[in-house]
Amino acid sequence: MARKRKARAKRPRPSVTAQLQQAIEASGLTRYEICKLTDIEQSAMSRFMAGERGLTTASLDRLGELLDLEIIMHRPAQASAANRTLKGE
């Protein structure tokens, strides 16, 4: 008799904002240094880190370059199968 596998509860991934905030904190640079190196206003950085506001895409690009960040997309198995079906594979 085959055993059914228990579905693992997936941990929700942190938001992109939360991941950026973590990367900034873990960078070893002060927020002041990051602001100077990326030309982001300190007040904008402060509001971003407090979760009050977002940053412009240009600011995000400069942050990503400074901190050597990349976005990696994790596709659920369902999405991968659906994409293959749409492509006629």
Protein backbone atom coordinates (compact mmCIF):
# COMPACT_ATOMS: atom_id res chain seq x y z
CA MET A 1 0.00 0.00 0.00
CA ALA A 2 1.51 3.29 -1.09
CA ARG A 3 1.83 5.97 1.51
CA LYS A 4 0.63 9.43 0.76
CA ARG A 5 3.17 12.14 1.26
CA LYS A 6 2.18 14.87 3.60
CA ALA A 7 2.14 18.22 1.91
CA ARG A 8 4.79 20.39 3.46
CA ALA A 9 3.61 23.71 4.72
CA LYS A 10 5.47 26.30 2.72
CA ARG A 11 6.97 29.13 4.63
CA PRO A 12 5.84 32.35 3.08
CA ARG A 13 8.74 34.17 1.48
CA PRO A 14 9.49 37.59 2.85
CA SER A 15 8.40 40.44 0.62
CA VAL A 16 10.92 42.00 -1.74
CA THR A 17 10.84 45.08 0.49
CA ALA A 18 11.66 43.00 3.57
CA GLN A 19 14.49 41.27 1.70
CA LEU A 20 15.91 44.66 0.64
CA GLN A 21 15.69 45.97 4.19
CA GLN A 22 17.51 42.85 5.43
CA ALA A 23 20.20 43.26 2.76
CA ILE A 24 20.74 46.89 3.76
CA GLU A 25 21.05 45.95 7.43
CA ALA A 26 23.39 43.04 6.66
CA SER A 27 25.59 45.02 4.25
CA GLY A 28 28.10 46.19 6.84
CA LEU A 29 27.58 49.76 5.63
CA THR A 30 25.81 52.46 7.56
CA ARG A 31 22.64 53.87 6.08
CA TYR A 32 24.49 57.17 5.76
CA GLU A 33 27.20 55.50 3.66
CA ILE A 34 24.60 53.73 1.51
CA CYS A 35 22.76 57.01 0.94
CA LYS A 36 25.96 58.80 -0.05
CA LEU A 37 27.05 56.02 -2.40
CA THR A 38 23.64 55.65 -4.06
CA ASP A 39 22.53 59.29 -4.03
CA ILE A 40 19.38 58.39 -2.06
CA GLU A 41 18.08 61.03 0.33
CA GLN A 42 18.53 60.00 3.95
CA SER A 43 14.89 60.87 4.68
CA ALA A 44 13.73 58.59 1.83
CA MET A 45 15.93 55.76 3.16
CA SER A 46 14.61 56.28 6.67
CA ARG A 47 10.98 56.12 5.50
CA PHE A 48 11.76 53.03 3.41
CA MET A 49 13.42 51.24 6.32
CA ALA A 50 10.48 52.11 8.58
CA GLY A 51 8.07 50.66 6.01
CA GLU A 52 6.37 53.99 5.49
CA ARG A 53 7.28 54.56 1.84
CA GLY A 54 8.83 52.84 -1.12
CA LEU A 55 11.84 53.85 -3.19
CA THR A 56 11.97 54.82 -6.84
CA THR A 57 13.01 52.19 -9.35
CA ALA A 58 16.16 54.22 -10.03
CA SER A 59 17.01 54.12 -6.32
CA LEU A 60 16.32 50.39 -6.21
CA ASP A 61 18.62 49.87 -9.19
CA ARG A 62 21.44 51.80 -7.48
CA LEU A 63 20.90 49.87 -4.23
CA GLY A 64 20.96 46.57 -6.11
CA GLU A 65 24.19 47.49 -7.84
CA LEU A 66 25.88 48.68 -4.65
CA LEU A 67 24.84 45.63 -2.63
CA ASP A 68 25.37 43.22 -5.56
CA LEU A 69 21.79 41.96 -5.40
CA GLU A 70 19.88 39.89 -7.91
CA ILE A 71 16.28 38.77 -8.13
CA ILE A 72 15.69 35.04 -8.43
CA MET A 73 12.25 33.79 -9.42
CA HIS A 74 11.08 30.57 -7.80
CA ARG A 75 8.25 29.02 -9.75
CA PRO A 76 5.81 26.68 -8.11
CA ALA A 77 5.48 23.29 -9.83
CA GLN A 78 1.97 24.20 -10.98
CA ALA A 79 3.18 27.30 -12.78
CA SER A 80 5.95 25.38 -14.53
CA ALA A 81 3.48 22.75 -15.77
CA ALA A 82 1.04 25.43 -16.89
CA ASN A 83 3.79 27.23 -18.80
CA ARG A 84 4.76 24.01 -20.60
CA THR A 85 1.11 23.45 -21.52
CA LEU A 86 0.81 26.97 -22.90
CA LYS A 87 3.97 26.49 -24.95
CA GLY A 88 2.63 23.21 -26.35
CA GLU A 89 5.32 21.03 -24.77
